[in-house]
Amino acid sequence: MKVLLVLSVLCITLALCQAACYNVLAKVEIINGVLVPRGSCIDVYDGNRHPSDSEWNTDQCMRCSCHAGKMTCCSRYGGAVPAAPGCKAVVNPETCQHEFTCLIESLIQ
């Protein structure tokens, strides 16, 4: 039973570590002396305003959503990946997928 619990915690931890997410809370406006939260979100990447309950992709490979003035963005490429010795993992900005570049000498050895 303990093994199952440990494996479950490990799986959840690995799943949570694969993507980076963050939240941006909307600023409130004062109308007639009353604090009123904005019903839209302003994209921190390009400055565009998005209506509440909308979703969009950014040029920086982020998937963002706006709900009740709170913007949430998560990486679309799943976080860091291990690369073979002599290789480097790079996120392609067009496909938002990892691509590996390796020196030929490191693959021959």
PDB file of N, CA and C in Angstrom:
ATOM      1  N   MET A   1       0.822  -1.190   0.000  1.00  0.00           N
ATOM      2  CA  MET A   1       0.000   0.000   0.000  1.00  0.00           C
ATOM      3  C   MET A   1       0.864   1.250   0.000  1.00  0.00           C
ATOM      4  N   LYS A   2       1.964   1.213   0.782  1.00  0.00           N
ATOM      5  CA  LYS A   2       2.864   2.360   0.829  1.00  0.00           C
ATOM      6  C   LYS A   2       3.522   2.590  -0.515  1.00  0.00           C
ATOM      7  N   VAL A   3       3.837   1.502  -1.211  1.00  0.00           N
ATOM      8  CA  VAL A   3       4.465   1.631  -2.529  1.00  0.00           C
ATOM      9  C   VAL A   3       3.516   2.321  -3.496  1.00  0.00           C
ATOM     10  N   LEU A   4       2.258   1.963  -3.462  1.00  0.00           N
ATOM     11  CA  LEU A   4       1.269   2.590  -4.329  1.00  0.00           C
ATOM     12  C   LEU A   4       1.146   4.081  -4.035  1.00  0.00           C
ATOM     13  N   LEU A   5       1.162   4.435  -2.772  1.00  0.00           N
ATOM     14  CA  LEU A   5       1.085   5.842  -2.379  1.00  0.00           C
ATOM     15  C   LEU A   5       2.316   6.603  -2.873  1.00  0.00           C
ATOM     16  N   VAL A   6       3.494   6.030  -2.687  1.00  0.00           N
ATOM     17  CA  VAL A   6       4.723   6.687  -3.128  1.00  0.00           C
ATOM     18  C   VAL A   6       4.732   6.851  -4.642  1.00  0.00           C
ATOM     19  N   LEU A   7       4.326   5.820  -5.375  1.00  0.00           N
ATOM     20  CA  LEU A   7       4.270   5.910  -6.835  1.00  0.00           C
ATOM     21  C   LEU A   7       3.248   6.950  -7.291  1.00  0.00           C
ATOM     22  N   SER A   8       2.130   7.035  -6.612  1.00  0.00           N
ATOM     23  CA  SER A   8       1.116   8.037  -6.964  1.00  0.00           C
ATOM     24  C   SER A   8       1.647   9.446  -6.765  1.00  0.00           C
ATOM     25  N   VAL A   9       2.306   9.687  -5.647  1.00  0.00           N
ATOM     26  CA  VAL A   9       2.882  11.007  -5.370  1.00  0.00           C
ATOM     27  C   VAL A   9       3.958  11.337  -6.401  1.00  0.00           C
ATOM     28  N   LEU A  10       4.786  10.370  -6.751  1.00  0.00           N
ATOM     29  CA  LEU A  10       5.833  10.576  -7.741  1.00  0.00           C
ATOM     30  C   LEU A  10       5.236  10.937  -9.099  1.00  0.00           C
ATOM     31  N   CYS A  11       4.209  10.226  -9.522  1.00  0.00           N
ATOM     32  CA  CYS A  11       3.565  10.502 -10.811  1.00  0.00           C
ATOM     33  C   CYS A  11       2.948  11.899 -10.838  1.00  0.00           C
ATOM     34  N   ILE A  12       2.299  12.280  -9.769  1.00  0.00           N
ATOM     35  CA  ILE A  12       1.689  13.615  -9.699  1.00  0.00           C
ATOM     36  C   ILE A  12       2.768  14.687  -9.739  1.00  0.00           C
ATOM     37  N   THR A  13       3.864  14.471  -9.013  1.00  0.00           N
ATOM     38  CA  THR A  13       4.961  15.434  -9.002  1.00  0.00           C
ATOM     39  C   THR A  13       5.565  15.582 -10.384  1.00  0.00           C
ATOM     40  N   LEU A  14       5.795  14.480 -11.070  1.00  0.00           N
ATOM     41  CA  LEU A  14       6.352  14.549 -12.420  1.00  0.00           C
ATOM     42  C   LEU A  14       5.401  15.261 -13.378  1.00  0.00           C
ATOM     43  N   ALA A  15       4.129  15.010 -13.261  1.00  0.00           N
ATOM     44  CA  ALA A  15       3.156  15.663 -14.138  1.00  0.00           C
ATOM     45  C   ALA A  15       3.131  17.165 -13.897  1.00  0.00           C
ATOM     46  N   LEU A  16       3.236  17.576 -12.655  1.00  0.00           N
ATOM     47  CA  LEU A  16       3.199  19.004 -12.346  1.00  0.00           C
ATOM     48  C   LEU A  16       4.480  19.712 -12.757  1.00  0.00           C
ATOM     49  N   CYS A  17       5.585  19.010 -12.837  1.00  0.00           N
ATOM     50  CA  CYS A  17       6.865  19.633 -13.176  1.00  0.00           C
ATOM     51  C   CYS A  17       7.065  19.788 -14.681  1.00  0.00           C
ATOM     52  N   GLN A  18       6.222  19.212 -15.483  1.00  0.00           N
ATOM     53  CA  GLN A  18       6.424  19.237 -16.917  1.00  0.00           C
ATOM     54  C   GLN A  18       5.994  20.531 -17.586  1.00  0.00           C
ATOM     55  N   ALA A  19       5.201  21.332 -16.968  1.00  0.00           N
ATOM     56  CA  ALA A  19       4.746  22.573 -17.587  1.00  0.00           C
ATOM     57  C   ALA A  19       4.887  23.718 -16.597  1.00  0.00           C
ATOM     58  N   ALA A  20       5.116  24.874 -17.154  1.00  0.00           N
ATOM     59  CA  ALA A  20       5.212  26.066 -16.312  1.00  0.00           C
ATOM     60  C   ALA A  20       3.958  26.901 -16.533  1.00  0.00           C
ATOM     61  N   CYS A  21       3.288  27.256 -15.453  1.00  0.00           N
ATOM     62  CA  CYS A  21       2.077  28.078 -15.526  1.00  0.00           C
ATOM     63  C   CYS A  21       2.198  29.254 -14.567  1.00  0.00           C
ATOM     64  N   TYR A  22       1.493  30.309 -14.877  1.00  0.00           N
ATOM     65  CA  TYR A  22       1.426  31.440 -13.971  1.00  0.00           C
ATOM     66  C   TYR A  22       0.102  32.155 -14.156  1.00  0.00           C
ATOM     67  N   ASN A  23      -0.271  32.949 -13.164  1.00  0.00           N
ATOM     68  CA  ASN A  23      -1.512  33.725 -13.193  1.00  0.00           C
ATOM     69  C   ASN A  23      -1.182  35.211 -13.112  1.00  0.00           C
ATOM     70  N   VAL A  24      -1.997  36.006 -13.795  1.00  0.00           N
ATOM     71  CA  VAL A  24      -1.904  37.463 -13.712  1.00  0.00           C
ATOM     72  C   VAL A  24      -3.286  37.967 -13.340  1.00  0.00           C
ATOM     73  N   LEU A  25      -3.388  38.603 -12.196  1.00  0.00           N
ATOM     74  CA  LEU A  25      -4.674  39.145 -11.763  1.00  0.00           C
ATOM     75  C   LEU A  25      -4.907  40.503 -12.412  1.00  0.00           C
ATOM     76  N   ALA A  26      -6.135  40.734 -12.820  1.00  0.00           N
ATOM     77  CA  ALA A  26      -6.480  42.005 -13.456  1.00  0.00           C
ATOM     78  C   ALA A  26      -6.505  43.118 -12.429  1.00  0.00           C
ATOM     79  N   LYS A  27      -6.206  44.306 -12.893  1.00  0.00           N
ATOM     80  CA  LYS A  27      -6.319  45.477 -12.024  1.00  0.00           C
ATOM     81  C   LYS A  27      -7.794  45.821 -11.890  1.00  0.00           C
ATOM     82  N   VAL A  28      -8.145  46.401 -10.763  1.00  0.00           N
ATOM     83  CA  VAL A  28      -9.533  46.808 -10.565  1.00  0.00           C
ATOM     84  C   VAL A  28      -9.679  48.276 -10.950  1.00  0.00           C
ATOM     85  N   GLU A  29     -10.865  48.643 -11.376  1.00  0.00           N
ATOM     86  CA  GLU A  29     -11.177  50.025 -11.709  1.00  0.00           C
ATOM     87  C   GLU A  29     -12.097  50.591 -10.629  1.00  0.00           C
ATOM     88  N   ILE A  30     -11.996  51.875 -10.405  1.00  0.00           N
ATOM     89  CA  ILE A  30     -12.883  52.535  -9.448  1.00  0.00           C
ATOM     90  C   ILE A  30     -13.923  53.308 -10.241  1.00  0.00           C
ATOM     91  N   ILE A  31     -15.174  52.892 -10.116  1.00  0.00           N
ATOM     92  CA  ILE A  31     -16.289  53.544 -10.803  1.00  0.00           C
ATOM     93  C   ILE A  31     -17.266  54.016  -9.750  1.00  0.00           C
ATOM     94  N   ASN A  32     -17.468  55.324  -9.701  1.00  0.00           N
ATOM     95  CA  ASN A  32     -18.359  55.932  -8.703  1.00  0.00           C
ATOM     96  C   ASN A  32     -17.985  55.516  -7.285  1.00  0.00           C
ATOM     97  N   GLY A  33     -16.683  55.424  -7.013  1.00  0.00           N
ATOM     98  CA  GLY A  33     -16.218  55.093  -5.679  1.00  0.00           C
ATOM     99  C   GLY A  33     -16.295  53.627  -5.318  1.00  0.00           C
ATOM    100  N   VAL A  34     -16.620  52.775  -6.292  1.00  0.00           N
ATOM    101  CA  VAL A  34     -16.749  51.337  -6.035  1.00  0.00           C
ATOM    102  C   VAL A  34     -15.671  50.605  -6.825  1.00  0.00           C
ATOM    103  N   LEU A  35     -14.976  49.644  -6.176  1.00  0.00           N
ATOM    104  CA  LEU A  35     -13.986  48.832  -6.880  1.00  0.00           C
ATOM    105  C   LEU A  35     -14.693  47.825  -7.775  1.00  0.00           C
ATOM    106  N   VAL A  36     -14.371  47.872  -9.069  1.00  0.00           N
ATOM    107  CA  VAL A  36     -14.992  46.976 -10.037  1.00  0.00           C
ATOM    108  C   VAL A  36     -13.883  46.240 -10.782  1.00  0.00           C
ATOM    109  N   PRO A  37     -13.820  44.894 -10.678  1.00  0.00           N
ATOM    110  CA  PRO A  37     -12.786  44.168 -11.418  1.00  0.00           C
ATOM    111  C   PRO A  37     -13.060  44.218 -12.914  1.00  0.00           C
ATOM    112  N   ARG A  38     -12.004  44.241 -13.682  1.00  0.00           N
ATOM    113  CA  ARG A  38     -12.155  44.241 -15.142  1.00  0.00           C
ATOM    114  C   ARG A  38     -12.711  42.902 -15.597  1.00  0.00           C
ATOM    115  N   GLY A  39     -13.497  42.938 -16.649  1.00  0.00           N
ATOM    116  CA  GLY A  39     -14.051  41.706 -17.199  1.00  0.00           C
ATOM    117  C   GLY A  39     -13.213  41.154 -18.325  1.00  0.00           C
ATOM    118  N   SER A  40     -12.045  41.767 -18.571  1.00  0.00           N
ATOM    119  CA  SER A  40     -11.178  41.288 -19.639  1.00  0.00           C
ATOM    120  C   SER A  40      -9.745  41.217 -19.125  1.00  0.00           C
ATOM    121  N   CYS A  41      -8.858  40.657 -19.940  1.00  0.00           N
ATOM    122  CA  CYS A  41      -7.447  40.505 -19.572  1.00  0.00           C
ATOM    123  C   CYS A  41      -6.579  41.176 -20.623  1.00  0.00           C
ATOM    124  N   ILE A  42      -5.480  41.741 -20.180  1.00  0.00           N
ATOM    125  CA  ILE A  42      -4.514  42.331 -21.105  1.00  0.00           C
ATOM    126  C   ILE A  42      -3.315  41.395 -21.166  1.00  0.00           C
ATOM    127  N   ASP A  43      -3.030  40.899 -22.374  1.00  0.00           N
ATOM    128  CA  ASP A  43      -1.940  39.956 -22.591  1.00  0.00           C
ATOM    129  C   ASP A  43      -0.610  40.640 -22.263  1.00  0.00           C
ATOM    130  N   VAL A  44       0.172  40.031 -21.362  1.00  0.00           N
ATOM    131  CA  VAL A  44       1.451  40.622 -20.969  1.00  0.00           C
ATOM    132  C   VAL A  44       2.497  40.497 -22.073  1.00  0.00           C
ATOM    133  N   TYR A  45       2.261  39.642 -23.066  1.00  0.00           N
ATOM    134  CA  TYR A  45       3.223  39.451 -24.143  1.00  0.00           C
ATOM    135  C   TYR A  45       3.056  40.461 -25.269  1.00  0.00           C
ATOM    136  N   ASP A  46       1.816  40.725 -25.681  1.00  0.00           N
ATOM    137  CA  ASP A  46       1.622  41.624 -26.821  1.00  0.00           C
ATOM    138  C   ASP A  46       0.726  42.825 -26.527  1.00  0.00           C
ATOM    139  N   GLY A  47       0.182  42.911 -25.324  1.00  0.00           N
ATOM    140  CA  GLY A  47      -0.633  44.058 -24.942  1.00  0.00           C
ATOM    141  C   GLY A  47      -2.067  44.024 -25.441  1.00  0.00           C
ATOM    142  N   ASN A  48      -2.467  42.956 -26.120  1.00  0.00           N
ATOM    143  CA  ASN A  48      -3.842  42.852 -26.622  1.00  0.00           C
ATOM    144  C   ASN A  48      -4.808  42.562 -25.477  1.00  0.00           C
ATOM    145  N   ARG A  49      -6.005  43.086 -25.608  1.00  0.00           N
ATOM    146  CA  ARG A  49      -7.063  42.843 -24.620  1.00  0.00           C
ATOM    147  C   ARG A  49      -7.887  41.638 -25.091  1.00  0.00           C
ATOM    148  N   HIS A  50      -8.144  40.716 -24.170  1.00  0.00           N
ATOM    149  CA  HIS A  50      -8.931  39.518 -24.473  1.00  0.00           C
ATOM    150  C   HIS A  50     -10.150  39.486 -23.561  1.00  0.00           C
ATOM    151  N   PRO A  51     -11.319  39.144 -24.117  1.00  0.00           N
ATOM    152  CA  PRO A  51     -12.538  39.113 -23.294  1.00  0.00           C
ATOM    153  C   PRO A  51     -12.517  37.953 -22.311  1.00  0.00           C
ATOM    154  N   SER A  52     -13.325  38.071 -21.284  1.00  0.00           N
ATOM    155  CA  SER A  52     -13.446  37.011 -20.303  1.00  0.00           C
ATOM    156  C   SER A  52     -13.939  35.732 -20.970  1.00  0.00           C
ATOM    157  N   ASP A  53     -13.519  34.588 -20.462  1.00  0.00           N
ATOM    158  CA  ASP A  53     -13.863  33.258 -20.982  1.00  0.00           C
ATOM    159  C   ASP A  53     -13.325  33.016 -22.387  1.00  0.00           C
ATOM    160  N   SER A  54     -12.140  33.573 -22.678  1.00  0.00           N
ATOM    161  CA  SER A  54     -11.501  33.328 -23.970  1.00  0.00           C
ATOM    162  C   SER A  54     -10.156  32.642 -23.755  1.00  0.00           C
ATOM    163  N   GLU A  55      -9.657  31.996 -24.821  1.00  0.00           N
ATOM    164  CA  GLU A  55      -8.361  31.326 -24.801  1.00  0.00           C
ATOM    165  C   GLU A  55      -7.609  31.685 -26.065  1.00  0.00           C
ATOM    166  N   TRP A  56      -6.269  31.734 -25.978  1.00  0.00           N
ATOM    167  CA  TRP A  56      -5.451  32.073 -27.133  1.00  0.00           C
ATOM    168  C   TRP A  56      -4.040  31.540 -26.937  1.00  0.00           C
ATOM    169  N   ASN A  57      -3.285  31.459 -28.037  1.00  0.00           N
ATOM    170  CA  ASN A  57      -1.883  31.062 -28.026  1.00  0.00           C
ATOM    171  C   ASN A  57      -1.033  32.296 -28.279  1.00  0.00           C
ATOM    172  N   THR A  58       0.107  32.378 -27.601  1.00  0.00           N
ATOM    173  CA  THR A  58       1.012  33.505 -27.811  1.00  0.00           C
ATOM    174  C   THR A  58       2.150  33.090 -28.735  1.00  0.00           C
ATOM    175  N   ASP A  59       2.884  34.079 -29.232  1.00  0.00           N
ATOM    176  CA  ASP A  59       4.050  33.801 -30.062  1.00  0.00           C
ATOM    177  C   ASP A  59       5.194  33.200 -29.257  1.00  0.00           C
ATOM    178  N   GLN A  60       5.101  33.245 -27.930  1.00  0.00           N
ATOM    179  CA  GLN A  60       6.129  32.692 -27.057  1.00  0.00           C
ATOM    180  C   GLN A  60       5.787  31.271 -26.604  1.00  0.00           C
ATOM    181  N   CYS A  61       4.925  30.589 -27.344  1.00  0.00           N
ATOM    182  CA  CYS A  61       4.535  29.200 -27.063  1.00  0.00           C
ATOM    183  C   CYS A  61       3.834  29.048 -25.719  1.00  0.00           C
ATOM    184  N   MET A  62       2.994  29.991 -25.388  1.00  0.00           N
ATOM    185  CA  MET A  62       2.190  29.917 -24.174  1.00  0.00           C
ATOM    186  C   MET A  62       0.727  29.788 -24.578  1.00  0.00           C
ATOM    187  N   ARG A  63      -0.038  29.013 -23.825  1.00  0.00           N
ATOM    188  CA  ARG A  63      -1.487  28.877 -23.992  1.00  0.00           C
ATOM    189  C   ARG A  63      -2.103  29.655 -22.847  1.00  0.00           C
ATOM    190  N   CYS A  64      -2.863  30.707 -23.178  1.00  0.00           N
ATOM    191  CA  CYS A  64      -3.421  31.582 -22.149  1.00  0.00           C
ATOM    192  C   CYS A  64      -4.950  31.539 -22.170  1.00  0.00           C
ATOM    193  N   SER A  65      -5.532  31.844 -21.018  1.00  0.00           N
ATOM    194  CA  SER A  65      -6.981  31.942 -20.909  1.00  0.00           C
ATOM    195  C   SER A  65      -7.314  33.106 -19.984  1.00  0.00           C
ATOM    196  N   CYS A  66      -8.506  33.649 -20.169  1.00  0.00           N
ATOM    197  CA  CYS A  66      -8.977  34.759 -19.345  1.00  0.00           C
ATOM    198  C   CYS A  66     -10.324  34.369 -18.760  1.00  0.00           C
ATOM    199  N   HIS A  67     -10.420  34.402 -17.434  1.00  0.00           N
ATOM    200  CA  HIS A  67     -11.674  34.101 -16.749  1.00  0.00           C
ATOM    201  C   HIS A  67     -11.841  35.089 -15.603  1.00  0.00           C
ATOM    202  N   ALA A  68     -12.897  35.866 -15.658  1.00  0.00           N
ATOM    203  CA  ALA A  68     -13.224  36.843 -14.615  1.00  0.00           C
ATOM    204  C   ALA A  68     -12.064  37.777 -14.320  1.00  0.00           C
ATOM    205  N   GLY A  69     -11.354  38.184 -15.377  1.00  0.00           N
ATOM    206  CA  GLY A  69     -10.269  39.133 -15.205  1.00  0.00           C
ATOM    207  C   GLY A  69      -8.946  38.529 -14.770  1.00  0.00           C
ATOM    208  N   LYS A  70      -8.872  37.201 -14.608  1.00  0.00           N
ATOM    209  CA  LYS A  70      -7.614  36.541 -14.236  1.00  0.00           C
ATOM    210  C   LYS A  70      -7.072  35.821 -15.460  1.00  0.00           C
ATOM    211  N   MET A  71      -5.847  36.177 -15.848  1.00  0.00           N
ATOM    212  CA  MET A  71      -5.210  35.545 -16.991  1.00  0.00           C
ATOM    213  C   MET A  71      -4.298  34.434 -16.490  1.00  0.00           C
ATOM    214  N   THR A  72      -4.438  33.242 -17.062  1.00  0.00           N
ATOM    215  CA  THR A  72      -3.589  32.100 -16.745  1.00  0.00           C
ATOM    216  C   THR A  72      -2.883  31.674 -18.015  1.00  0.00           C
ATOM    217  N   CYS A  73      -1.560  31.504 -17.946  1.00  0.00           N
ATOM    218  CA  CYS A  73      -0.784  31.060 -19.101  1.00  0.00           C
ATOM    219  C   CYS A  73       0.076  29.865 -18.705  1.00  0.00           C
ATOM    220  N   CYS A  74       0.147  28.877 -19.601  1.00  0.00           N
ATOM    221  CA  CYS A  74       0.973  27.688 -19.398  1.00  0.00           C
ATOM    222  C   CYS A  74       1.795  27.445 -20.657  1.00  0.00           C
ATOM    223  N   SER A  75       2.995  26.918 -20.461  1.00  0.00           N
ATOM    224  CA  SER A  75       3.837  26.612 -21.619  1.00  0.00           C
ATOM    225  C   SER A  75       3.195  25.492 -22.429  1.00  0.00           C
ATOM    226  N   ARG A  76       3.320  25.591 -23.750  1.00  0.00           N
ATOM    227  CA  ARG A  76       2.746  24.579 -24.636  1.00  0.00           C
ATOM    228  C   ARG A  76       3.735  23.477 -24.967  1.00  0.00           C
ATOM    229  N   TYR A  77       4.978  23.610 -24.546  1.00  0.00           N
ATOM    230  CA  TYR A  77       5.989  22.637 -24.933  1.00  0.00           C
ATOM    231  C   TYR A  77       6.373  21.674 -23.819  1.00  0.00           C
ATOM    232  N   GLY A  78       5.780  21.771 -22.657  1.00  0.00           N
ATOM    233  CA  GLY A  78       5.952  20.759 -21.617  1.00  0.00           C
ATOM    234  C   GLY A  78       7.184  20.896 -20.751  1.00  0.00           C
ATOM    235  N   GLY A  79       7.869  22.008 -20.762  1.00  0.00           N
ATOM    236  CA  GLY A  79       9.010  22.193 -19.868  1.00  0.00           C
ATOM    237  C   GLY A  79      10.299  21.643 -20.439  1.00  0.00           C
ATOM    238  N   ALA A  80      11.274  21.454 -19.564  1.00  0.00           N
ATOM    239  CA  ALA A  80      12.605  21.013 -19.985  1.00  0.00           C
ATOM    240  C   ALA A  80      12.608  19.525 -20.313  1.00  0.00           C
ATOM    241  N   VAL A  81      13.479  19.156 -21.255  1.00  0.00           N
ATOM    242  CA  VAL A  81      13.659  17.744 -21.611  1.00  0.00           C
ATOM    243  C   VAL A  81      15.152  17.426 -21.571  1.00  0.00           C
ATOM    244  N   PRO A  82      15.509  16.186 -21.231  1.00  0.00           N
ATOM    245  CA  PRO A  82      16.930  15.829 -21.215  1.00  0.00           C
ATOM    246  C   PRO A  82      17.460  15.662 -22.635  1.00  0.00           C
ATOM    247  N   ALA A  83      18.710  16.027 -22.822  1.00  0.00           N
ATOM    248  CA  ALA A  83      19.354  15.872 -24.125  1.00  0.00           C
ATOM    249  C   ALA A  83      20.586  14.985 -23.960  1.00  0.00           C
ATOM    250  N   ALA A  84      20.938  14.306 -25.027  1.00  0.00           N
ATOM    251  CA  ALA A  84      22.119  13.447 -25.010  1.00  0.00           C
ATOM    252  C   ALA A  84      23.365  14.311 -24.848  1.00  0.00           C
ATOM    253  N   PRO A  85      24.459  13.734 -24.358  1.00  0.00           N
ATOM    254  CA  PRO A  85      25.703  14.502 -24.242  1.00  0.00           C
ATOM    255  C   PRO A  85      26.108  15.092 -25.588  1.00  0.00           C
ATOM    256  N   GLY A  86      26.469  16.366 -25.595  1.00  0.00           N
ATOM    257  CA  GLY A  86      26.855  17.042 -26.827  1.00  0.00           C
ATOM    258  C   GLY A  86      25.681  17.582 -27.621  1.00  0.00           C
ATOM    259  N   CYS A  87      24.470  17.403 -27.099  1.00  0.00           N
ATOM    260  CA  CYS A  87      23.268  17.871 -27.792  1.00  0.00           C
ATOM    261  C   CYS A  87      22.573  18.947 -26.954  1.00  0.00           C
ATOM    262  N   LYS A  88      21.751  19.720 -27.614  1.00  0.00           N
ATOM    263  CA  LYS A  88      21.022  20.789 -26.934  1.00  0.00           C
ATOM    264  C   LYS A  88      19.569  20.758 -27.403  1.00  0.00           C
ATOM    265  N   ALA A  89      18.630  20.862 -26.459  1.00  0.00           N
ATOM    266  CA  ALA A  89      17.202  20.909 -26.781  1.00  0.00           C
ATOM    267  C   ALA A  89      16.784  22.369 -26.900  1.00  0.00           C
ATOM    268  N   VAL A  90      16.128  22.710 -28.012  1.00  0.00           N
ATOM    269  CA  VAL A  90      15.672  24.069 -28.272  1.00  0.00           C
ATOM    270  C   VAL A  90      14.201  24.005 -28.663  1.00  0.00           C
ATOM    271  N   VAL A  91      13.391  24.958 -28.192  1.00  0.00           N
ATOM    272  CA  VAL A  91      11.981  25.009 -28.554  1.00  0.00           C
ATOM    273  C   VAL A  91      11.841  25.768 -29.867  1.00  0.00           C
ATOM    274  N   ASN A  92      11.233  25.118 -30.865  1.00  0.00           N
ATOM    275  CA  ASN A  92      10.955  25.766 -32.143  1.00  0.00           C
ATOM    276  C   ASN A  92       9.780  26.717 -31.940  1.00  0.00           C
ATOM    277  N   PRO A  93       9.951  28.038 -32.189  1.00  0.00           N
ATOM    278  CA  PRO A  93       8.874  28.997 -31.922  1.00  0.00           C
ATOM    279  C   PRO A  93       7.669  28.855 -32.850  1.00  0.00           C
ATOM    280  N   GLU A  94       7.825  28.174 -33.982  1.00  0.00           N
ATOM    281  CA  GLU A  94       6.696  27.990 -34.895  1.00  0.00           C
ATOM    282  C   GLU A  94       5.843  26.789 -34.531  1.00  0.00           C
ATOM    283  N   THR A  95       6.498  25.695 -34.113  1.00  0.00           N
ATOM    284  CA  THR A  95       5.759  24.466 -33.798  1.00  0.00           C
ATOM    285  C   THR A  95       5.563  24.279 -32.294  1.00  0.00           C
ATOM    286  N   CYS A  96       6.325  25.029 -31.474  1.00  0.00           N
ATOM    287  CA  CYS A  96       6.310  24.887 -30.009  1.00  0.00           C
ATOM    288  C   CYS A  96       6.665  23.465 -29.585  1.00  0.00           C
ATOM    289  N   GLN A  97       7.543  22.834 -30.321  1.00  0.00           N
ATOM    290  CA  GLN A  97       8.032  21.496 -30.015  1.00  0.00           C
ATOM    291  C   GLN A  97       9.539  21.556 -29.797  1.00  0.00           C
ATOM    292  N   HIS A  98      10.062  20.631 -28.993  1.00  0.00           N
ATOM    293  CA  HIS A  98      11.509  20.560 -28.791  1.00  0.00           C
ATOM    294  C   HIS A  98      12.180  20.010 -30.040  1.00  0.00           C
ATOM    295  N   GLU A  99      13.311  20.609 -30.385  1.00  0.00           N
ATOM    296  CA  GLU A  99      14.162  20.096 -31.455  1.00  0.00           C
ATOM    297  C   GLU A  99      15.555  19.959 -30.863  1.00  0.00           C
ATOM    298  N   PHE A 100      16.277  18.961 -31.295  1.00  0.00           N
ATOM    299  CA  PHE A 100      17.605  18.702 -30.750  1.00  0.00           C
ATOM    300  C   PHE A 100      18.663  19.030 -31.785  1.00  0.00           C
ATOM    301  N   THR A 101      19.679  19.748 -31.353  1.00  0.00           N
ATOM    302  CA  THR A 101      20.831  20.020 -32.196  1.00  0.00           C
ATOM    303  C   THR A 101      22.030  19.366 -31.532  1.00  0.00           C
ATOM    304  N   CYS A 102      22.787  18.616 -32.331  1.00  0.00           N
ATOM    305  CA  CYS A 102      23.938  17.879 -31.805  1.00  0.00           C
ATOM    306  C   CYS A 102      25.161  18.125 -32.676  1.00  0.00           C
ATOM    307  N   LEU A 103      26.297  18.153 -32.025  1.00  0.00           N
ATOM    308  CA  LEU A 103      27.544  18.204 -32.772  1.00  0.00           C
ATOM    309  C   LEU A 103      27.822  16.812 -33.325  1.00  0.00           C
ATOM    310  N   ILE A 104      28.192  16.709 -34.585  1.00  0.00           N
ATOM    311  CA  ILE A 104      28.409  15.411 -35.220  1.00  0.00           C
ATOM    312  C   ILE A 104      29.506  14.648 -34.492  1.00  0.00           C
ATOM    313  N   GLU A 105      30.552  15.350 -34.030  1.00  0.00           N
ATOM    314  CA  GLU A 105      31.666  14.674 -33.347  1.00  0.00           C
ATOM    315  C   GLU A 105      31.169  13.965 -32.086  1.00  0.00           C
ATOM    316  N   SER A 106      30.202  14.564 -31.372  1.00  0.00           N
ATOM    317  CA  SER A 106      29.733  13.941 -30.132  1.00  0.00           C
ATOM    318  C   SER A 106      28.903  12.695 -30.404  1.00  0.00           C
ATOM    319  N   LEU A 107      28.276  12.607 -31.574  1.00  0.00           N
ATOM    320  CA  LEU A 107      27.485  11.417 -31.903  1.00  0.00           C
ATOM    321  C   LEU A 107      28.367  10.257 -32.378  1.00  0.00           C
ATOM    322  N   ILE A 108      29.527  10.579 -32.971  1.00  0.00           N
ATOM    323  CA  ILE A 108      30.411   9.545 -33.489  1.00  0.00           C
ATOM    324  C   ILE A 108      31.146   8.824 -32.362  1.00  0.00           C
ATOM    325  N   GLN A 109      31.488   9.543 -31.312  1.00  0.00           N
ATOM    326  CA  GLN A 109      32.279   8.952 -30.224  1.00  0.00           C
ATOM    327  C   GLN A 109      31.531   7.921 -29.452  1.00  0.00           C
TER     328      GLN A 109
END
